[in-house]
N, C-alpha and C. Protein backbone atom coordinates (compact mmCIF):
# COMPACT_ATOMS: atom_id res chain seq x y z
N UNK A 1 0.80 -1.15 0.02
CA UNK A 1 -0.14 0.08 -0.02
C UNK A 1 0.98 1.34 -0.05
N UNK A 2 0.74 2.07 -1.04
CA UNK A 2 1.41 3.38 -0.94
C UNK A 2 0.90 4.33 0.01
N UNK A 3 1.86 5.28 0.45
CA UNK A 3 1.56 6.32 1.39
C UNK A 3 0.77 7.40 0.52
N UNK A 4 0.12 7.94 1.59
CA UNK A 4 -0.65 9.34 1.06
C UNK A 4 0.22 10.43 0.53
N UNK A 5 -0.22 11.17 -0.58
CA UNK A 5 0.61 12.20 -1.04
C UNK A 5 0.46 13.45 -0.25
N UNK A 6 1.81 13.89 0.08
CA UNK A 6 2.04 15.00 0.87
C UNK A 6 2.05 16.20 -0.11
N UNK A 7 1.62 17.42 0.67
CA UNK A 7 1.57 18.54 -0.15
C UNK A 7 3.27 19.07 -0.39
N UNK A 8 3.56 19.45 -1.46
CA UNK A 8 4.98 19.78 -2.08
C UNK A 8 4.98 20.90 -2.74
N UNK A 9 6.03 21.45 -2.57
CA UNK A 9 6.64 22.71 -3.64
C UNK A 9 7.56 22.48 -4.53
N UNK A 10 7.81 22.96 -5.60
CA UNK A 10 8.95 22.74 -6.52
C UNK A 10 9.84 23.96 -6.10
N UNK A 11 11.20 23.33 -5.81
CA UNK A 11 12.15 24.06 -5.59
C UNK A 11 13.57 24.02 -6.58
N UNK A 12 14.28 24.95 -6.44
CA UNK A 12 15.27 24.79 -7.48
C UNK A 12 16.46 25.82 -6.87
N UNK A 13 17.54 25.72 -7.87
CA UNK A 13 18.72 26.97 -7.46
C UNK A 13 18.54 27.90 -8.85
N UNK A 14 18.61 29.16 -8.66
CA UNK A 14 18.50 30.05 -9.67
C UNK A 14 20.22 29.82 -10.34
N UNK A 15 20.18 29.68 -11.71
CA UNK A 15 21.17 29.40 -12.62
C UNK A 15 22.22 30.35 -12.22
N UNK A 16 22.20 31.60 -12.29
CA UNK A 16 22.96 32.69 -12.44
C UNK A 16 23.42 33.11 -11.07
N UNK A 17 22.60 33.34 -10.26
CA UNK A 17 22.72 33.77 -8.61
C UNK A 17 22.97 32.84 -7.63
N UNK A 18 22.46 31.35 -7.91
CA UNK A 18 22.56 30.39 -7.03
C UNK A 18 21.62 30.37 -6.01
N UNK A 19 20.94 31.38 -5.89
CA UNK A 19 19.69 31.48 -4.92
C UNK A 19 18.74 30.35 -4.84
N UNK A 20 18.41 29.84 -3.72
CA UNK A 20 17.32 28.92 -3.66
C UNK A 20 16.17 29.71 -4.07
N UNK A 21 15.20 29.15 -5.12
CA UNK A 21 13.99 29.60 -5.62
C UNK A 21 12.85 28.68 -5.49
N UNK A 22 11.81 29.22 -5.74
CA UNK A 22 10.30 28.14 -5.26
C UNK A 22 9.50 28.74 -6.51
N UNK A 23 8.74 27.70 -7.34
CA UNK A 23 7.78 28.05 -8.22
C UNK A 23 6.53 28.42 -7.60
N UNK A 24 6.18 29.44 -8.21
CA UNK A 24 4.93 30.18 -7.65
C UNK A 24 3.85 29.64 -8.63
N UNK A 25 2.44 29.93 -8.11
CA UNK A 25 1.31 29.56 -8.90
C UNK A 25 1.34 29.68 -10.25
N UNK A 26 2.08 31.13 -10.59
CA UNK A 26 1.98 31.87 -11.90
C UNK A 26 3.03 31.37 -12.81
N UNK A 27 3.88 30.35 -12.33
CA UNK A 27 4.94 29.94 -12.90
C UNK A 27 6.15 30.59 -13.02
N UNK A 28 6.28 31.62 -12.33
CA UNK A 28 7.34 32.41 -11.96
C UNK A 28 8.30 31.78 -10.62
N UNK A 29 9.51 32.24 -10.82
CA UNK A 29 10.42 31.70 -9.54
C UNK A 29 10.48 32.82 -8.50
N UNK A 30 10.50 32.40 -7.28
CA UNK A 30 10.36 33.49 -6.07
C UNK A 30 11.61 32.99 -5.33
N UNK A 31 12.16 33.83 -4.29
CA UNK A 31 13.13 33.57 -3.42
C UNK A 31 12.37 33.45 -2.00
N UNK A 32 11.15 33.43 -1.97
CA UNK A 32 10.38 33.33 -0.77
C UNK A 32 9.44 32.11 -0.98
N UNK A 33 9.63 31.14 0.29
CA UNK A 33 8.97 29.85 0.28
C UNK A 33 7.45 30.02 0.43
N UNK A 34 7.24 31.25 1.16
CA UNK A 34 5.56 31.33 1.41
C UNK A 34 4.89 31.88 -0.01
N UNK A 35 5.76 32.00 -1.04
CA UNK A 35 5.14 32.44 -2.38
C UNK A 35 5.09 31.37 -3.36
N UNK A 36 5.52 30.11 -2.71
CA UNK A 36 5.59 28.71 -3.54
C UNK A 36 4.22 28.42 -3.78
N UNK A 37 3.88 27.81 -5.02
CA UNK A 37 2.45 27.04 -5.05
C UNK A 37 2.78 25.66 -4.13
N UNK A 38 1.65 25.56 -3.20
CA UNK A 38 1.43 24.30 -2.58
C UNK A 38 0.82 23.53 -3.47
N UNK A 39 1.24 22.41 -3.90
CA UNK A 39 0.79 21.41 -4.84
C UNK A 39 0.18 20.18 -3.97
N UNK A 40 -0.96 19.66 -4.04
CA UNK A 40 -1.76 18.85 -3.27
C UNK A 40 -2.28 17.32 -4.27
N UNK A 41 -1.73 17.55 -5.48
CA UNK A 41 -2.00 16.56 -6.45
C UNK A 41 -0.77 15.82 -7.08
N UNK A 42 -0.58 14.67 -6.95
CA UNK A 42 0.56 14.10 -7.50
C UNK A 42 0.57 14.25 -8.95
N UNK A 43 -0.09 14.44 -9.63
CA UNK A 43 -0.11 14.73 -11.11
C UNK A 43 0.51 15.91 -11.45
N UNK A 44 -0.24 16.82 -10.68
CA UNK A 44 -0.06 17.89 -10.87
C UNK A 44 1.70 18.40 -10.66
N UNK A 45 2.03 17.71 -9.53
CA UNK A 45 3.19 17.83 -9.07
C UNK A 45 4.40 17.42 -9.87
N UNK A 46 4.20 16.28 -10.57
CA UNK A 46 4.97 15.61 -11.54
C UNK A 46 4.89 16.76 -12.96
N UNK A 47 3.80 17.24 -12.96
CA UNK A 47 3.80 18.31 -14.15
C UNK A 47 4.56 19.53 -14.08
N UNK A 48 4.44 20.02 -12.81
CA UNK A 48 5.17 21.25 -12.58
C UNK A 48 6.60 20.95 -12.42
N UNK A 49 7.04 19.90 -11.75
CA UNK A 49 8.26 19.56 -11.80
C UNK A 49 8.91 19.47 -13.34
N UNK A 50 8.28 18.73 -13.95
CA UNK A 50 8.68 18.51 -15.60
C UNK A 50 8.88 20.01 -16.19
N UNK A 51 7.87 21.05 -15.97
CA UNK A 51 8.09 22.33 -16.32
C UNK A 51 9.32 22.98 -15.93
N UNK A 52 9.71 23.10 -14.66
CA UNK A 52 10.64 23.52 -13.84
C UNK A 52 12.05 22.98 -14.34
N UNK A 53 12.10 21.51 -14.70
CA UNK A 53 13.36 21.10 -15.17
C UNK A 53 13.63 21.27 -16.50
N UNK A 54 12.64 21.64 -17.28
CA UNK A 54 12.93 22.00 -18.59
C UNK A 54 13.39 23.57 -18.63
N UNK A 55 13.45 24.38 -17.54
CA UNK A 55 13.91 25.76 -17.71
C UNK A 55 15.51 25.81 -17.34
N UNK A 56 15.97 25.01 -18.19
CA UNK A 56 17.72 24.77 -17.99
C UNK A 56 18.48 26.33 -18.20
N UNK A 57 17.89 27.11 -18.55
CA UNK A 57 18.35 28.35 -18.83
C UNK A 57 18.21 29.32 -17.67
N UNK A 58 17.37 28.81 -16.67
CA UNK A 58 16.77 29.70 -15.48
C UNK A 58 17.41 29.20 -14.21
N UNK A 59 16.96 27.85 -14.12
CA UNK A 59 17.29 27.18 -13.02
C UNK A 59 17.86 25.86 -13.06
N UNK A 60 18.65 25.44 -12.02
CA UNK A 60 19.07 23.85 -11.99
C UNK A 60 18.95 23.15 -10.75
N UNK A 61 18.61 21.76 -10.71
CA UNK A 61 18.46 20.96 -9.61
C UNK A 61 16.99 20.91 -9.09
N UNK A 62 16.19 20.98 -10.06
CA UNK A 62 14.82 21.44 -9.74
C UNK A 62 14.40 19.96 -8.82
N UNK A 63 13.34 20.05 -7.89
CA UNK A 63 12.94 18.82 -7.33
C UNK A 63 11.90 19.37 -6.30
N UNK A 64 11.02 17.96 -5.98
CA UNK A 64 9.70 18.57 -5.12
C UNK A 64 10.14 18.26 -3.65
N UNK A 65 9.72 19.08 -2.77
CA UNK A 65 10.21 19.28 -1.31
C UNK A 65 8.70 19.28 -0.76
N UNK A 66 8.45 18.40 0.49
CA UNK A 66 7.50 18.62 1.22
C UNK A 66 7.19 19.78 1.78
N UNK A 67 6.00 20.36 2.03
CA UNK A 67 5.40 21.31 2.72
C UNK A 67 4.28 21.20 3.14
N UNK A 68 3.75 22.09 3.99
CA UNK A 68 2.43 22.29 4.72
C UNK A 68 2.02 23.59 4.64
N UNK A 69 0.64 23.75 4.61
CA UNK A 69 -0.02 25.08 4.81
C UNK A 69 0.72 25.81 5.76
N UNK A 70 0.79 27.07 5.77
CA UNK A 70 1.05 28.02 6.84
C UNK A 70 -0.09 29.30 6.70
N UNK A 71 0.16 30.12 7.89
CA UNK A 71 -0.71 31.43 7.80
C UNK A 71 -0.37 32.38 6.65
N UNK A 72 1.04 32.33 6.22
CA UNK A 72 1.20 33.36 5.12
C UNK A 72 1.70 32.59 3.66
N UNK A 73 1.40 31.35 3.84
CA UNK A 73 1.74 30.33 2.55
C UNK A 73 2.28 29.14 2.84
N UNK A 74 2.89 28.45 1.95
CA UNK A 74 3.56 27.05 2.28
C UNK A 74 4.63 27.47 3.26
N UNK A 75 4.88 26.21 4.09
CA UNK A 75 6.08 26.37 5.19
C UNK A 75 6.64 24.90 4.77
N UNK A 76 8.01 25.08 5.08
CA UNK A 76 8.86 23.69 4.86
C UNK A 76 8.46 22.81 5.97
N UNK A 77 8.65 21.56 5.64
CA UNK A 77 8.45 20.54 6.62
C UNK A 77 9.71 20.05 7.28
N UNK A 78 10.81 19.58 6.55
CA UNK A 78 11.93 19.08 6.82
C UNK A 78 12.85 20.08 7.21
N UNK A 79 13.96 19.61 8.12
CA UNK A 79 15.02 20.72 8.47
C UNK A 79 15.74 21.30 7.22
N UNK A 80 15.98 20.46 6.39
CA UNK A 80 17.06 20.83 5.39
C UNK A 80 16.22 21.92 4.65
N UNK A 81 14.98 21.72 4.17
CA UNK A 81 14.18 22.82 3.52
C UNK A 81 13.99 24.02 4.14
N UNK A 82 13.83 24.05 5.52
CA UNK A 82 13.83 25.10 6.37
C UNK A 82 15.23 25.92 6.40
N UNK A 83 16.40 25.29 6.32
CA UNK A 83 17.76 25.82 6.06
C UNK A 83 17.80 26.69 4.97
N UNK A 84 17.35 25.64 3.60
CA UNK A 84 17.46 26.49 2.35
C UNK A 84 16.51 27.52 2.34
N UNK A 85 15.42 27.48 2.73
CA UNK A 85 14.35 28.76 2.87
C UNK A 85 15.02 29.85 3.52
N UNK A 86 15.60 29.65 4.67
CA UNK A 86 16.19 30.79 5.67
C UNK A 86 17.70 31.51 4.81
N UNK A 87 18.18 30.82 4.12
CA UNK A 87 19.21 31.51 3.36
C UNK A 87 20.65 30.69 4.02
N UNK A 88 21.67 31.57 3.49
CA UNK A 88 23.16 31.00 4.19
C UNK A 88 23.16 31.32 5.54
N UNK A 89 23.59 30.18 6.22
CA UNK A 89 23.54 30.33 7.84
C UNK A 89 24.91 30.78 8.41
N UNK A 90 25.94 31.22 7.79
CA UNK A 90 27.12 31.47 8.18
C UNK A 90 27.22 33.03 8.89
N UNK A 91 26.20 33.87 8.51
CA UNK A 91 25.90 35.05 9.01
C UNK A 91 24.71 35.58 8.58
N UNK A 92 24.15 36.70 9.19
CA UNK A 92 22.78 37.38 8.79
C UNK A 92 22.88 38.33 7.55
N UNK A 93 22.34 37.82 6.39
CA UNK A 93 22.30 38.43 5.27
C UNK A 93 21.20 38.06 4.29
N UNK A 94 21.00 38.77 3.21
CA UNK A 94 19.95 38.41 2.48
C UNK A 94 18.50 37.97 3.10
N UNK A 95 18.25 36.61 2.84
CA UNK A 95 17.09 36.39 3.41
C UNK A 95 16.93 36.38 5.04
N UNK A 96 17.99 36.07 5.44
CA UNK A 96 18.09 36.05 6.95
C UNK A 96 18.00 37.47 7.74
N UNK A 97 18.26 38.47 6.81
CA UNK A 97 18.17 39.68 7.22
C UNK A 97 16.80 40.40 7.20
N UNK A 98 15.78 39.67 6.30
CA UNK A 98 14.51 40.16 6.30
C UNK A 98 13.63 39.83 7.42
N UNK A 99 12.60 40.09 7.74
CA UNK A 99 11.81 40.01 8.80
C UNK A 99 10.75 38.80 8.64
N UNK A 100 10.81 38.29 7.52
CA UNK A 100 9.75 37.07 7.17
C UNK A 100 10.36 36.01 7.87
N UNK A 101 9.33 35.20 8.59
CA UNK A 101 9.66 34.05 9.08
C UNK A 101 9.31 32.99 8.28
N UNK A 102 10.09 31.75 8.24
CA UNK A 102 9.81 30.60 7.64
C UNK A 102 9.40 29.57 8.33
């Protein structure tokens, strides 16, 4: 018996800047996890991942990451994804310097 589908977001790294990015419902890339499309259907998740993987001039390493609904948008489920969403951990800059919680 297969386990139930867990909501997911499509994430990747921006090709030029290297930033962690998330695919939005409108098909754009955002640096903010809360702006990602929370996908609750496995077929849609596969289709959105295929769309992302085809954008080789924009992003690299696209994959699906588990997420859950949050008050301001999707929230990461796993520790690794929380770290990626918060940005580099060596000192506060970029996303960490912003006031948004992940």
